[in-house]
């Protein structure tokens, strides 16, 4: 499928906050009750047609476990944007949003706008 624009968006946040659930809802319109931890990163793609132009978006769904922190920093290269995900029932995951924002600033591309979801 051809496209006019291609964007790389990274989903970050603590483990078990719903990054994968959000990515699957956006890309497949699915929701699964079961939880399988992401190992490293999962990739998915969604295409949108807006004003007669096709926008293709690669979503990088990253692992939230601390053991993957060193490799996740490399995934920020070339991002057009970032989504910081937290669990509304976990105050700690909300507090960690500032950590994830700093990770984006340190490792990402200047000029992108993170979204907290």
C-alpha atoms as a PDB file:
ATOM      1  CA  UNK A   1       0.000   0.000   0.000  1.00  0.00           C
ATOM      2  CA  UNK A   2       1.410   3.386  -0.951  1.00  0.00           C
ATOM      3  CA  UNK A   3       1.359   6.338   1.415  1.00  0.00           C
ATOM      4  CA  UNK A   4       2.047  10.066   1.398  1.00  0.00           C
ATOM      5  CA  UNK A   5       3.449  10.360   4.915  1.00  0.00           C
ATOM      6  CA  UNK A   6       5.139   7.915   7.280  1.00  0.00           C
ATOM      7  CA  UNK A   7       5.419   8.526  11.015  1.00  0.00           C
ATOM      8  CA  UNK A   8       7.048   6.556  13.818  1.00  0.00           C
ATOM      9  CA  UNK A   9       5.237   6.845  17.154  1.00  0.00           C
ATOM     10  CA  UNK A  10       6.581   5.242  20.329  1.00  0.00           C
ATOM     11  CA  UNK A  11       4.402   4.133  23.260  1.00  0.00           C
ATOM     12  CA  UNK A  12       6.221   4.288  26.604  1.00  0.00           C
ATOM     13  CA  UNK A  13       5.263   3.823  30.242  1.00  0.00           C
ATOM     14  CA  UNK A  14       5.643   1.463  33.152  1.00  0.00           C
ATOM     15  CA  UNK A  15       4.881  -2.228  32.855  1.00  0.00           C
ATOM     16  CA  UNK A  16       1.202  -3.274  32.945  1.00  0.00           C
ATOM     17  CA  UNK A  17      -0.223   0.190  32.213  1.00  0.00           C
ATOM     18  CA  UNK A  18      -1.959  -0.690  28.937  1.00  0.00           C
ATOM     19  CA  UNK A  19       0.470   0.277  26.170  1.00  0.00           C
ATOM     20  CA  UNK A  20      -0.202  -2.915  24.219  1.00  0.00           C
ATOM     21  CA  UNK A  21      -3.960  -2.708  24.802  1.00  0.00           C
ATOM     22  CA  UNK A  22      -3.979   0.852  23.460  1.00  0.00           C
ATOM     23  CA  UNK A  23      -1.843  -0.080  20.445  1.00  0.00           C
ATOM     24  CA  UNK A  24      -4.075  -3.050  19.607  1.00  0.00           C
ATOM     25  CA  UNK A  25      -7.213  -0.943  19.946  1.00  0.00           C
ATOM     26  CA  UNK A  26      -5.797   1.653  17.554  1.00  0.00           C
ATOM     27  CA  UNK A  27      -4.355  -0.753  14.987  1.00  0.00           C
ATOM     28  CA  UNK A  28      -6.749  -3.720  15.125  1.00  0.00           C
ATOM     29  CA  UNK A  29      -9.800  -2.359  16.968  1.00  0.00           C
ATOM     30  CA  UNK A  30      -9.371  -5.236  19.431  1.00  0.00           C
ATOM     31  CA  UNK A  31      -9.163  -5.510  23.203  1.00  0.00           C
ATOM     32  CA  UNK A  32      -7.909  -8.593  25.040  1.00  0.00           C
ATOM     33  CA  UNK A  33      -8.578  -9.187  28.731  1.00  0.00           C
ATOM     34  CA  UNK A  34      -5.449 -11.322  29.129  1.00  0.00           C
ATOM     35  CA  UNK A  35      -2.018  -9.804  29.656  1.00  0.00           C
ATOM     36  CA  UNK A  36       1.198 -10.897  27.962  1.00  0.00           C
ATOM     37  CA  UNK A  37       4.273  -8.839  28.773  1.00  0.00           C
ATOM     38  CA  UNK A  38       5.972  -7.178  25.826  1.00  0.00           C
ATOM     39  CA  UNK A  39       9.562  -8.283  25.396  1.00  0.00           C
ATOM     40  CA  UNK A  40      11.676  -5.490  23.951  1.00  0.00           C
ATOM     41  CA  UNK A  41       9.288  -3.936  21.434  1.00  0.00           C
ATOM     42  CA  UNK A  42       6.263  -4.899  19.345  1.00  0.00           C
ATOM     43  CA  UNK A  43       5.523  -3.215  16.045  1.00  0.00           C
ATOM     44  CA  UNK A  44       2.178  -2.468  14.458  1.00  0.00           C
ATOM     45  CA  UNK A  45       0.987  -0.239  11.642  1.00  0.00           C
ATOM     46  CA  UNK A  46      -2.116   1.795  11.016  1.00  0.00           C
ATOM     47  CA  UNK A  47      -2.972   3.813   7.911  1.00  0.00           C
ATOM     48  CA  UNK A  48      -5.357   6.741   7.816  1.00  0.00           C
ATOM     49  CA  UNK A  49      -6.779   8.593   4.842  1.00  0.00           C
ATOM     50  CA  UNK A  50      -7.100  12.312   5.525  1.00  0.00           C
ATOM     51  CA  UNK A  51      -7.861  14.896   2.836  1.00  0.00           C
ATOM     52  CA  UNK A  52      -7.034  12.477   0.000  1.00  0.00           C
ATOM     53  CA  UNK A  53      -3.662  11.641   1.534  1.00  0.00           C
ATOM     54  CA  UNK A  54      -2.624   8.386   3.145  1.00  0.00           C
ATOM     55  CA  UNK A  55      -0.786   8.621   6.442  1.00  0.00           C
ATOM     56  CA  UNK A  56       0.998   5.464   7.547  1.00  0.00           C
ATOM     57  CA  UNK A  57       1.995   5.237  11.193  1.00  0.00           C
ATOM     58  CA  UNK A  58       4.387   2.716  12.695  1.00  0.00           C
ATOM     59  CA  UNK A  59       3.586   2.213  16.369  1.00  0.00           C
ATOM     60  CA  UNK A  60       6.429   0.975  18.549  1.00  0.00           C
ATOM     61  CA  UNK A  61       4.967  -0.603  21.692  1.00  0.00           C
ATOM     62  CA  UNK A  62       7.854  -0.804  24.155  1.00  0.00           C
ATOM     63  CA  UNK A  63       8.365  -3.008  27.196  1.00  0.00           C
ATOM     64  CA  UNK A  64       7.967  -1.237  30.525  1.00  0.00           C
ATOM     65  CA  UNK A  65      10.174  -3.548  32.571  1.00  0.00           C
ATOM     66  CA  UNK A  66      13.366  -2.035  33.969  1.00  0.00           C
ATOM     67  CA  UNK A  67      15.468  -4.837  32.504  1.00  0.00           C
ATOM     68  CA  UNK A  68      14.752  -3.470  28.997  1.00  0.00           C
ATOM     69  CA  UNK A  69      15.561   0.177  29.811  1.00  0.00           C
ATOM     70  CA  UNK A  70      19.004   0.114  28.210  1.00  0.00           C
ATOM     71  CA  UNK A  71      17.764  -1.144  24.842  1.00  0.00           C
ATOM     72  CA  UNK A  72      14.576   0.923  24.758  1.00  0.00           C
ATOM     73  CA  UNK A  73      16.599   4.141  24.588  1.00  0.00           C
ATOM     74  CA  UNK A  74      17.663   3.178  21.057  1.00  0.00           C
ATOM     75  CA  UNK A  75      14.022   2.946  19.943  1.00  0.00           C
ATOM     76  CA  UNK A  76      13.544   6.714  20.315  1.00  0.00           C
ATOM     77  CA  UNK A  77      15.638   7.486  17.233  1.00  0.00           C
ATOM     78  CA  UNK A  78      13.621   8.944  14.394  1.00  0.00           C
ATOM     79  CA  UNK A  79      10.333   9.255  16.267  1.00  0.00           C
ATOM     80  CA  UNK A  80       7.714  11.729  15.111  1.00  0.00           C
ATOM     81  CA  UNK A  81       5.931  11.536  18.455  1.00  0.00           C
ATOM     82  CA  UNK A  82       5.533   9.683  21.705  1.00  0.00           C
ATOM     83  CA  UNK A  83       2.604   8.534  23.806  1.00  0.00           C
ATOM     84  CA  UNK A  84       3.248   8.243  27.532  1.00  0.00           C
ATOM     85  CA  UNK A  85       0.781   5.709  28.944  1.00  0.00           C
ATOM     86  CA  UNK A  86      -0.158   5.341  32.611  1.00  0.00           C
ATOM     87  CA  UNK A  87      -2.692   3.291  34.560  1.00  0.00           C
ATOM     88  CA  UNK A  88      -5.407   5.535  35.983  1.00  0.00           C
ATOM     89  CA  UNK A  89      -5.656   3.213  39.014  1.00  0.00           C
ATOM     90  CA  UNK A  90      -1.917   3.473  39.764  1.00  0.00           C
ATOM     91  CA  UNK A  91      -0.705   6.758  41.215  1.00  0.00           C
ATOM     92  CA  UNK A  92       2.883   5.502  40.908  1.00  0.00           C
ATOM     93  CA  UNK A  93       2.565   4.933  37.146  1.00  0.00           C
ATOM     94  CA  UNK A  94       1.267   8.517  36.830  1.00  0.00           C
ATOM     95  CA  UNK A  95       4.185   9.869  38.849  1.00  0.00           C
ATOM     96  CA  UNK A  96       6.596   8.037  36.539  1.00  0.00           C
ATOM     97  CA  UNK A  97       5.307  10.033  33.536  1.00  0.00           C
ATOM     98  CA  UNK A  98       7.956  12.663  34.283  1.00  0.00           C
ATOM     99  CA  UNK A  99      10.623   9.938  34.047  1.00  0.00           C
ATOM    100  CA  UNK A 100       9.295   8.855  30.641  1.00  0.00           C
ATOM    101  CA  UNK A 101       9.110  12.463  29.454  1.00  0.00           C
ATOM    102  CA  UNK A 102      12.767  12.925  30.390  1.00  0.00           C
ATOM    103  CA  UNK A 103      13.643   9.727  28.496  1.00  0.00           C
ATOM    104  CA  UNK A 104      11.925  11.135  25.411  1.00  0.00           C
ATOM    105  CA  UNK A 105      13.765  14.443  25.746  1.00  0.00           C
ATOM    106  CA  UNK A 106      17.144  12.742  26.238  1.00  0.00           C
ATOM    107  CA  UNK A 107      16.835  10.112  23.521  1.00  0.00           C
ATOM    108  CA  UNK A 108      14.252  11.374  21.054  1.00  0.00           C
ATOM    109  CA  UNK A 109      14.101  13.841  18.237  1.00  0.00           C
ATOM    110  CA  UNK A 110      13.800  17.501  19.154  1.00  0.00           C
ATOM    111  CA  UNK A 111      10.476  19.047  18.222  1.00  0.00           C
ATOM    112  CA  UNK A 112       8.070  16.161  18.823  1.00  0.00           C
ATOM    113  CA  UNK A 113       5.127  16.498  21.177  1.00  0.00           C
ATOM    114  CA  UNK A 114       4.527  13.698  23.681  1.00  0.00           C
ATOM    115  CA  UNK A 115       0.978  12.792  24.650  1.00  0.00           C
ATOM    116  CA  UNK A 116       0.016  11.392  28.050  1.00  0.00           C
ATOM    117  CA  UNK A 117      -2.758   8.788  27.771  1.00  0.00           C
END
